[in-house]
Amino acid sequence: MRLEERTLLMIASMFGSKLVLKFILGLNRVDVNKSCGFDKATALHKSSSSVEVVKLLINSSVDITSLDVHGNLPVDLIPLVFGSEKKSIQSTSLSPT
């Protein structure tokens, strides 16, 4: 077992803590695209627990094209259980804002 380097934004994303995520993003002092850990993941890569969290990050100008160490886009890691929500997120993230 080893310790993984993760940002507060990543931890809030992993656990689906929308209020904490909104607070952190509201500070405007966080790099929403920071990657870290052995997998070089971002908060968006780790946000598989909640569709709302994914949408919050996308609305915060997160880079949806960032790749982790395995070459995965964040959308590649969204669980299939989201079903139609995954398509909604893909179309949201690919449409110009």
Protein backbone atom coordinates (compact mmCIF):
# COMPACT_ATOMS: atom_id res chain seq x y z
CA MET A 1 0.00 0.00 0.00
CA ARG A 2 1.17 3.52 -0.72
CA LEU A 3 -0.08 7.04 -0.29
CA GLU A 4 -1.42 8.76 -3.37
CA GLU A 5 -0.96 12.44 -4.00
CA ARG A 6 -4.39 14.00 -4.59
CA THR A 7 -5.65 17.58 -4.52
CA LEU A 8 -8.61 18.69 -2.40
CA LEU A 9 -10.54 19.17 -5.62
CA MET A 10 -9.83 15.59 -6.63
CA ILE A 11 -10.91 14.23 -3.26
CA ALA A 12 -14.16 16.21 -3.35
CA SER A 13 -14.76 14.94 -6.89
CA MET A 14 -14.04 11.32 -5.98
CA PHE A 15 -16.53 11.37 -3.12
CA GLY A 16 -19.19 13.44 -4.90
CA SER A 17 -19.04 16.25 -2.34
CA LYS A 18 -20.87 18.92 -4.32
CA LEU A 19 -20.89 21.54 -1.54
CA VAL A 20 -17.16 21.17 -0.93
CA LEU A 21 -16.51 21.22 -4.66
CA LYS A 22 -18.56 24.41 -5.10
CA PHE A 23 -16.68 26.03 -2.21
CA ILE A 24 -13.26 25.13 -3.64
CA LEU A 25 -14.21 26.24 -7.15
CA GLY A 26 -15.68 29.47 -5.75
CA LEU A 27 -12.32 30.46 -4.30
CA ASN A 28 -10.92 30.87 -7.83
CA ARG A 29 -7.52 29.84 -6.48
CA VAL A 30 -7.38 26.26 -7.65
CA ASP A 31 -5.93 24.78 -10.81
CA VAL A 32 -8.88 22.71 -12.05
CA ASN A 33 -6.60 20.95 -14.53
CA LYS A 34 -3.84 19.93 -12.12
CA SER A 35 -2.82 16.31 -12.56
CA CYS A 36 -1.04 14.31 -9.90
CA GLY A 37 -0.41 10.86 -8.54
CA PHE A 38 1.08 7.85 -10.29
CA ASP A 39 -1.78 7.94 -12.80
CA LYS A 40 -1.47 11.67 -13.59
CA ALA A 41 -5.23 12.01 -13.22
CA THR A 42 -7.20 15.24 -12.87
CA ALA A 43 -10.27 15.97 -10.75
CA LEU A 44 -12.41 15.26 -13.82
CA HIS A 45 -10.80 11.83 -14.23
CA LYS A 46 -11.73 11.08 -10.61
CA SER A 47 -15.29 12.41 -10.71
CA SER A 48 -17.04 9.15 -11.48
CA SER A 49 -19.36 9.23 -8.49
CA SER A 50 -21.77 11.96 -9.59
CA VAL A 51 -23.09 13.44 -12.82
CA GLU A 52 -23.56 16.76 -11.02
CA VAL A 53 -19.89 16.80 -10.04
CA VAL A 54 -18.85 16.18 -13.63
CA LYS A 55 -21.07 19.02 -14.82
CA LEU A 56 -19.73 21.37 -12.13
CA LEU A 57 -16.19 20.71 -13.27
CA ILE A 58 -17.05 21.13 -16.94
CA ASN A 59 -18.72 24.46 -16.14
CA SER A 60 -15.50 25.51 -14.38
CA SER A 61 -13.51 25.43 -17.62
CA VAL A 62 -11.83 22.13 -16.91
CA ASP A 63 -9.86 20.65 -19.81
CA ILE A 64 -11.98 17.75 -21.07
CA THR A 65 -9.19 16.61 -23.39
CA SER A 66 -6.58 15.98 -20.70
CA LEU A 67 -5.10 12.50 -20.74
CA ASP A 68 -4.03 10.42 -17.77
CA VAL A 69 -0.89 8.27 -17.83
CA HIS A 70 -2.83 5.49 -19.57
CA GLY A 71 -4.08 7.78 -22.35
CA ASN A 72 -7.65 7.94 -21.01
CA LEU A 73 -9.83 10.98 -21.47
CA PRO A 74 -12.01 11.80 -18.45
CA VAL A 75 -15.13 10.73 -20.39
CA ASP A 76 -13.52 7.30 -20.93
CA LEU A 77 -13.67 6.71 -17.19
CA ILE A 78 -17.32 7.60 -16.66
CA PRO A 79 -19.07 4.42 -15.56
CA LEU A 80 -21.57 2.79 -17.85
CA VAL A 81 -24.16 3.01 -15.05
CA PHE A 82 -24.69 6.64 -16.02
CA GLY A 83 -26.18 5.38 -19.30
CA SER A 84 -27.90 8.26 -21.06
CA GLU A 85 -26.24 10.69 -18.67
CA LYS A 86 -22.86 9.76 -20.20
CA LYS A 87 -24.10 10.82 -23.63
CA SER A 88 -25.39 14.05 -22.10
CA ILE A 89 -22.02 14.74 -20.51
CA GLN A 90 -20.20 13.95 -23.75
CA SER A 91 -22.40 16.33 -25.73
CA THR A 92 -22.10 19.01 -23.00
CA SER A 93 -18.34 18.70 -22.91
CA LEU A 94 -17.96 18.75 -26.66
CA SER A 95 -20.25 21.70 -27.31
CA PRO A 96 -18.65 25.15 -27.32
CA THR A 97 -19.46 27.33 -24.32
